[in-house]
Amino acid sequence: MKEYDFYIVPTPIGNMGDLTFRAIEILKSVDIIACEDSRVTQKLLNHYDIRTKTLSYHKYNEKERVEQIVKILESGQKIALVSDAGTPLICDPGSVIVKELRQRGFSVTALPGANAIVTFLSQISRQDECFSFVGFLPKTEQKIQKLVTDYEDKDFIFYESPNRILQTLRIIKSVRPNTKIAVGRELTKMFEEIITGEIDNIIEHFEQNAPKGEFVVLVFRNNNFADVNEMQKKVKLLKDKGFSPKDISVILSELFGENKNKIYKISVGK
């Protein structure tokens, strides 16, 4: 197996048993494990009898750790990077050091493993494979509302904390009152919960059941919006060919069974 200077190693998002055999092998074989919180990582290392030394590497000391990590690698030692849970660089520290190491010619690789987004989406039936991941939402209500509006024609997914989830859902409802969402919490743990439905029902559920654990939320696209968007593209195509709004309404209504008046209004910009 090829050896690298720097390994990005995903760790379990909840269930200790989800660490891969290769991840265990790498964590045992490297000289140092860079981690967000040594107390959290040490629990995992103790579970698997991994005795490798740790080095703190988190979002508050990323830049100042660069030269230290470079010197360690230049001495011929190997380093693995882990986050508290899940995959580094996915809403977790790591981007700064990976960029620097690649620029300086060190070899970097990543192992496959636990990730809350994929774990969640693999349990949700969706229209197609397209989605947008936006990480953690902005702090202000106005910015959240803008994001929800901007992504109206796309499925989008985000992370949320238990103390903010109800407030966030209510903000989403204020913009899209009839939207469908899916919520996952405590993924891979004993009390894992996945629920899908209209946003009113999801809010009511968590009003009656105190939200606990970290949340992953999928807001489904507005299909009516998508339908109109697609129809606008078809209308533009026929307009570019020189067809009149009346002809366009007749042609598209025959082809797609849509209401002629609706198509006509789109073609004349109403």
Protein backbone atom coordinates (compact mmCIF):
# COMPACT_ATOMS: atom_id res chain seq x y z
CA MET A 1 0.00 0.00 0.00
CA LYS A 2 1.30 3.45 -0.94
CA GLU A 3 2.38 5.62 1.98
CA TYR A 4 1.42 9.30 2.26
CA ASP A 5 2.67 12.16 4.39
CA PHE A 6 -0.73 13.31 5.56
CA TYR A 7 -3.97 11.32 5.99
CA ILE A 8 -7.50 12.73 6.32
CA VAL A 9 -9.39 10.19 8.41
CA PRO A 10 -13.18 10.25 8.99
CA THR A 11 -14.34 9.18 12.45
CA PRO A 12 -17.77 7.86 13.56
CA ILE A 13 -20.61 10.37 13.77
CA GLY A 14 -22.16 8.49 16.69
CA ASN A 15 -21.65 4.73 16.61
CA MET A 16 -18.10 3.72 17.64
CA GLY A 17 -18.37 0.61 15.47
CA ASP A 18 -18.35 2.69 12.28
CA LEU A 19 -14.58 3.28 12.23
CA THR A 20 -13.14 1.34 9.27
CA PHE A 21 -10.37 -1.25 9.52
CA ARG A 22 -8.13 0.93 7.34
CA ALA A 23 -8.78 3.98 9.52
CA ILE A 24 -7.70 2.01 12.60
CA GLU A 25 -4.57 0.84 10.79
CA ILE A 26 -3.65 4.39 9.72
CA LEU A 27 -4.31 5.90 13.15
CA LYS A 28 -2.06 3.27 14.72
CA SER A 29 0.71 3.63 12.15
CA VAL A 30 1.12 7.42 11.93
CA ASP A 31 3.35 9.32 14.33
CA ILE A 32 0.84 12.03 15.28
CA ILE A 33 -2.94 12.49 15.12
CA ALA A 34 -4.06 16.10 14.67
CA CYS A 35 -7.50 16.50 16.24
CA GLU A 36 -10.08 19.15 17.16
CA ASP A 37 -10.53 18.17 20.80
CA SER A 38 -8.08 15.66 22.27
CA ARG A 39 -10.60 14.68 24.95
CA VAL A 40 -13.13 13.62 22.33
CA THR A 41 -10.58 11.89 20.12
CA GLN A 42 -8.97 10.11 23.07
CA LYS A 43 -12.23 8.28 23.82
CA LEU A 44 -12.16 6.83 20.31
CA LEU A 45 -8.47 5.98 20.51
CA ASN A 46 -8.92 4.25 23.86
CA HIS A 47 -11.83 2.24 22.44
CA TYR A 48 -9.55 0.81 19.75
CA ASP A 49 -6.37 0.69 21.86
CA ILE A 50 -4.67 3.28 19.65
CA ARG A 51 -1.75 4.89 21.49
CA THR A 52 -0.62 7.45 18.94
CA LYS A 53 0.20 10.94 20.26
CA THR A 54 -2.28 13.72 19.54
CA LEU A 55 -1.86 17.36 18.55
CA SER A 56 -4.64 19.93 18.81
CA TYR A 57 -5.76 21.33 15.47
CA HIS A 58 -8.99 23.32 15.44
CA LYS A 59 -10.49 26.34 13.71
CA TYR A 60 -8.93 28.76 16.20
CA ASN A 61 -5.33 27.61 15.72
CA GLU A 62 -5.30 26.36 12.12
CA LYS A 63 -2.93 28.98 10.75
CA GLU A 64 -0.47 28.89 13.63
CA ARG A 65 -0.21 25.08 13.41
CA VAL A 66 0.84 25.08 9.74
CA GLU A 67 4.59 25.55 10.26
CA GLN A 68 4.66 23.10 13.15
CA ILE A 69 2.97 20.41 11.06
CA VAL A 70 5.25 21.14 8.09
CA LYS A 71 8.34 20.69 10.30
CA ILE A 72 6.99 17.37 11.60
CA LEU A 73 6.43 16.12 8.05
CA GLU A 74 9.84 17.38 6.90
CA SER A 75 11.41 15.26 9.64
CA GLY A 76 9.93 12.19 7.97
CA GLN A 77 7.02 11.61 10.33
CA LYS A 78 3.45 10.91 9.23
CA ILE A 79 0.31 12.73 10.44
CA ALA A 80 -3.40 11.86 10.39
CA LEU A 81 -6.08 14.54 10.68
CA VAL A 82 -9.41 13.77 12.38
CA SER A 83 -12.34 15.89 13.51
CA ASP A 84 -14.53 15.26 16.55
CA ALA A 85 -16.98 13.35 14.35
CA GLY A 86 -17.39 12.79 10.64
CA THR A 87 -15.08 13.88 7.85
CA PRO A 88 -12.53 16.71 8.20
CA LEU A 89 -12.99 19.70 5.85
CA ILE A 90 -16.76 19.02 5.64
CA CYS A 91 -17.92 21.78 8.03
CA ASP A 92 -14.82 20.92 10.09
CA PRO A 93 -11.22 22.23 10.22
CA GLY A 94 -8.60 21.07 7.73
CA SER A 95 -8.88 23.26 4.65
CA VAL A 96 -6.00 25.56 5.66
CA ILE A 97 -3.44 22.82 6.27
CA VAL A 98 -4.42 20.73 3.23
CA LYS A 99 -4.02 23.75 0.94
CA GLU A 100 -0.58 24.52 2.39
CA LEU A 101 0.64 20.93 2.23
CA ARG A 102 -0.39 20.47 -1.40
CA GLN A 103 1.28 23.75 -2.35
CA ARG A 104 4.50 22.63 -0.65
CA GLY A 105 4.53 19.25 -2.38
CA PHE A 106 3.57 16.92 0.46
CA SER A 107 1.45 13.89 -0.38
CA VAL A 108 -2.10 14.00 0.99
CA THR A 109 -4.87 11.41 0.84
CA ALA A 110 -8.32 10.91 2.35
CA LEU A 111 -10.00 7.76 3.59
CA PRO A 112 -13.69 7.09 2.97
CA GLY A 113 -15.89 6.93 6.02
CA ALA A 114 -18.64 8.39 8.15
CA ASN A 115 -20.41 11.50 6.91
CA ALA A 116 -23.74 12.81 8.20
CA ILE A 117 -24.89 14.15 4.81
CA VAL A 118 -24.53 10.85 2.95
CA THR A 119 -25.80 8.79 5.90
CA PHE A 120 -28.93 10.94 6.00
CA LEU A 121 -29.60 11.21 2.26
CA SER A 122 -29.24 7.46 1.76
CA GLN A 123 -32.45 7.10 3.80
CA ILE A 124 -34.47 9.78 1.97
CA SER A 125 -36.41 9.21 -1.25
CA ARG A 126 -35.82 12.15 -3.59
CA GLN A 127 -36.83 13.21 -7.09
CA ASP A 128 -33.27 12.87 -8.44
CA GLU A 129 -29.64 12.97 -7.32
CA CYS A 130 -29.26 16.77 -7.40
CA PHE A 131 -28.94 18.65 -4.12
CA SER A 132 -27.02 21.57 -2.62
CA PHE A 133 -25.23 21.35 0.73
CA VAL A 134 -25.01 24.71 2.50
CA GLY A 135 -23.33 23.65 5.77
CA PHE A 136 -24.57 25.61 8.78
CA LEU A 137 -27.14 28.31 8.09
CA PRO A 138 -26.42 32.04 8.60
CA LYS A 139 -27.10 33.50 12.04
CA THR A 140 -29.69 36.15 11.12
CA GLU A 141 -33.32 35.60 10.18
CA GLN A 142 -33.02 37.84 7.11
CA LYS A 143 -30.07 35.88 5.70
CA ILE A 144 -31.80 32.55 6.30
CA GLN A 145 -34.91 33.80 4.50
CA LYS A 146 -32.81 34.91 1.54
CA LEU A 147 -31.05 31.55 1.34
CA VAL A 148 -34.36 29.66 1.47
CA THR A 149 -35.69 31.85 -1.36
CA ASP A 150 -32.51 31.50 -3.43
CA TYR A 151 -32.69 27.70 -3.22
CA GLU A 152 -36.41 27.39 -3.92
CA ASP A 153 -35.80 25.41 -7.11
CA LYS A 154 -33.26 23.01 -5.51
CA ASP A 155 -33.22 20.41 -2.77
CA PHE A 156 -30.85 21.82 -0.15
CA ILE A 157 -29.44 20.32 2.99
CA PHE A 158 -27.92 21.87 6.12
CA TYR A 159 -26.73 21.11 9.64
CA GLU A 160 -28.47 22.54 12.70
CA SER A 161 -28.13 22.41 16.48
CA PRO A 162 -30.91 21.29 18.84
CA ASN A 163 -31.21 24.73 20.45
CA ARG A 164 -31.82 26.43 17.07
CA ILE A 165 -33.80 23.84 15.12
CA LEU A 166 -37.33 25.03 15.99
CA GLN A 167 -36.49 28.68 15.39
CA THR A 168 -34.90 27.78 12.04
CA LEU A 169 -37.89 25.72 10.92
CA ARG A 170 -40.23 28.59 11.77
CA ILE A 171 -38.12 30.99 9.69
CA ILE A 172 -38.24 28.58 6.75
CA LYS A 173 -42.00 28.31 7.15
CA SER A 174 -42.34 32.11 7.03
CA VAL A 175 -40.90 32.04 3.52
CA ARG A 176 -42.25 28.73 2.24
CA PRO A 177 -45.28 27.79 4.38
CA ASN A 178 -46.17 24.63 2.45
CA THR A 179 -42.73 23.20 1.89
CA LYS A 180 -41.85 19.56 2.48
CA ILE A 181 -38.78 18.75 4.59
CA ALA A 182 -36.92 15.78 6.01
CA VAL A 183 -35.12 15.87 9.35
CA GLY A 184 -32.57 13.46 10.77
CA ARG A 185 -31.10 13.46 14.26
CA GLU A 186 -28.90 11.18 16.38
CA LEU A 187 -27.77 9.44 13.17
CA THR A 188 -26.23 5.96 13.73
CA LYS A 189 -27.09 6.13 17.45
CA MET A 190 -29.66 4.21 19.49
CA PHE A 191 -32.31 6.93 19.26
CA GLU A 192 -31.82 7.78 15.58
CA GLU A 193 -34.87 9.49 14.12
CA ILE A 194 -35.72 10.32 10.50
CA ILE A 195 -38.99 12.10 9.76
CA THR A 196 -40.32 13.50 6.50
CA GLY A 197 -43.42 15.63 5.93
CA GLU A 198 -44.95 19.07 5.63
CA ILE A 199 -43.08 21.68 7.63
CA ASP A 200 -46.11 22.36 9.90
CA ASN A 201 -46.13 18.71 10.99
CA ILE A 202 -42.38 18.64 11.61
CA ILE A 203 -42.56 21.80 13.75
CA GLU A 204 -45.46 20.35 15.74
CA HIS A 205 -43.50 17.13 16.29
CA PHE A 206 -40.53 18.94 17.84
CA GLU A 207 -42.74 21.27 19.84
CA GLN A 208 -44.16 18.15 21.49
CA ASN A 209 -40.84 16.27 21.67
CA ALA A 210 -37.90 18.31 22.91
CA PRO A 211 -35.25 18.30 20.16
CA LYS A 212 -32.05 16.52 21.15
CA GLY A 213 -28.87 15.66 19.25
CA GLU A 214 -27.36 17.18 16.13
CA PHE A 215 -29.68 17.71 13.18
CA VAL A 216 -29.43 17.29 9.41
CA VAL A 217 -32.27 18.91 7.46
CA LEU A 218 -33.32 18.57 3.83
CA VAL A 219 -35.66 21.19 2.37
CA PHE A 220 -37.26 19.80 -0.78
CA ARG A 221 -37.44 21.97 -3.87
CA ASN A 222 -40.68 23.72 -4.78
CA ASN A 223 -41.91 21.53 -7.65
CA ASN A 224 -44.38 24.18 -8.82
CA PHE A 225 -41.50 26.62 -9.08
CA ALA A 226 -39.44 24.06 -10.99
CA ASP A 227 -42.35 23.35 -13.35
CA VAL A 228 -42.73 27.05 -14.16
CA ASN A 229 -38.99 27.39 -14.62
CA GLU A 230 -38.94 24.50 -17.09
CA MET A 231 -41.93 25.92 -18.95
CA GLN A 232 -40.19 29.30 -19.20
CA LYS A 233 -37.23 27.60 -20.86
CA LYS A 234 -39.52 25.93 -23.41
CA VAL A 235 -41.32 29.21 -24.08
CA LYS A 236 -38.01 31.00 -24.66
CA LEU A 237 -36.86 28.28 -27.05
CA LEU A 238 -39.99 28.70 -29.19
CA LYS A 239 -39.82 32.50 -28.98
CA ASP A 240 -36.27 32.35 -30.31
CA LYS A 241 -37.61 30.33 -33.25
CA GLY A 242 -40.04 33.13 -34.05
CA PHE A 243 -43.32 31.66 -32.72
CA SER A 244 -45.96 34.04 -31.38
CA PRO A 245 -47.30 33.78 -27.78
CA LYS A 246 -50.58 32.38 -29.16
CA ASP A 247 -48.78 29.71 -31.20
CA ILE A 248 -46.55 28.86 -28.25
CA SER A 249 -49.55 28.35 -25.94
CA VAL A 250 -51.17 26.00 -28.46
CA ILE A 251 -48.00 24.00 -29.13
CA LEU A 252 -46.97 23.52 -25.49
CA SER A 253 -50.48 22.77 -24.27
CA GLU A 254 -50.77 20.04 -26.88
CA LEU A 255 -47.37 18.58 -26.12
CA PHE A 256 -47.45 18.73 -22.31
CA GLY A 257 -51.14 18.98 -21.41
CA GLU A 258 -50.69 22.35 -19.69
CA ASN A 259 -53.34 25.08 -19.52
CA LYS A 260 -53.15 27.36 -22.60
CA ASN A 261 -53.84 30.52 -20.61
CA LYS A 262 -51.08 29.71 -18.14
CA ILE A 263 -48.57 29.22 -20.96
CA TYR A 264 -49.74 32.35 -22.75
CA LYS A 265 -49.21 34.45 -19.60
CA ILE A 266 -45.69 33.07 -19.27
CA SER A 267 -44.94 33.80 -22.94
CA VAL A 268 -46.06 37.43 -22.65
CA GLY A 269 -44.29 37.93 -19.34
CA LYS A 270 -47.32 38.15 -17.04
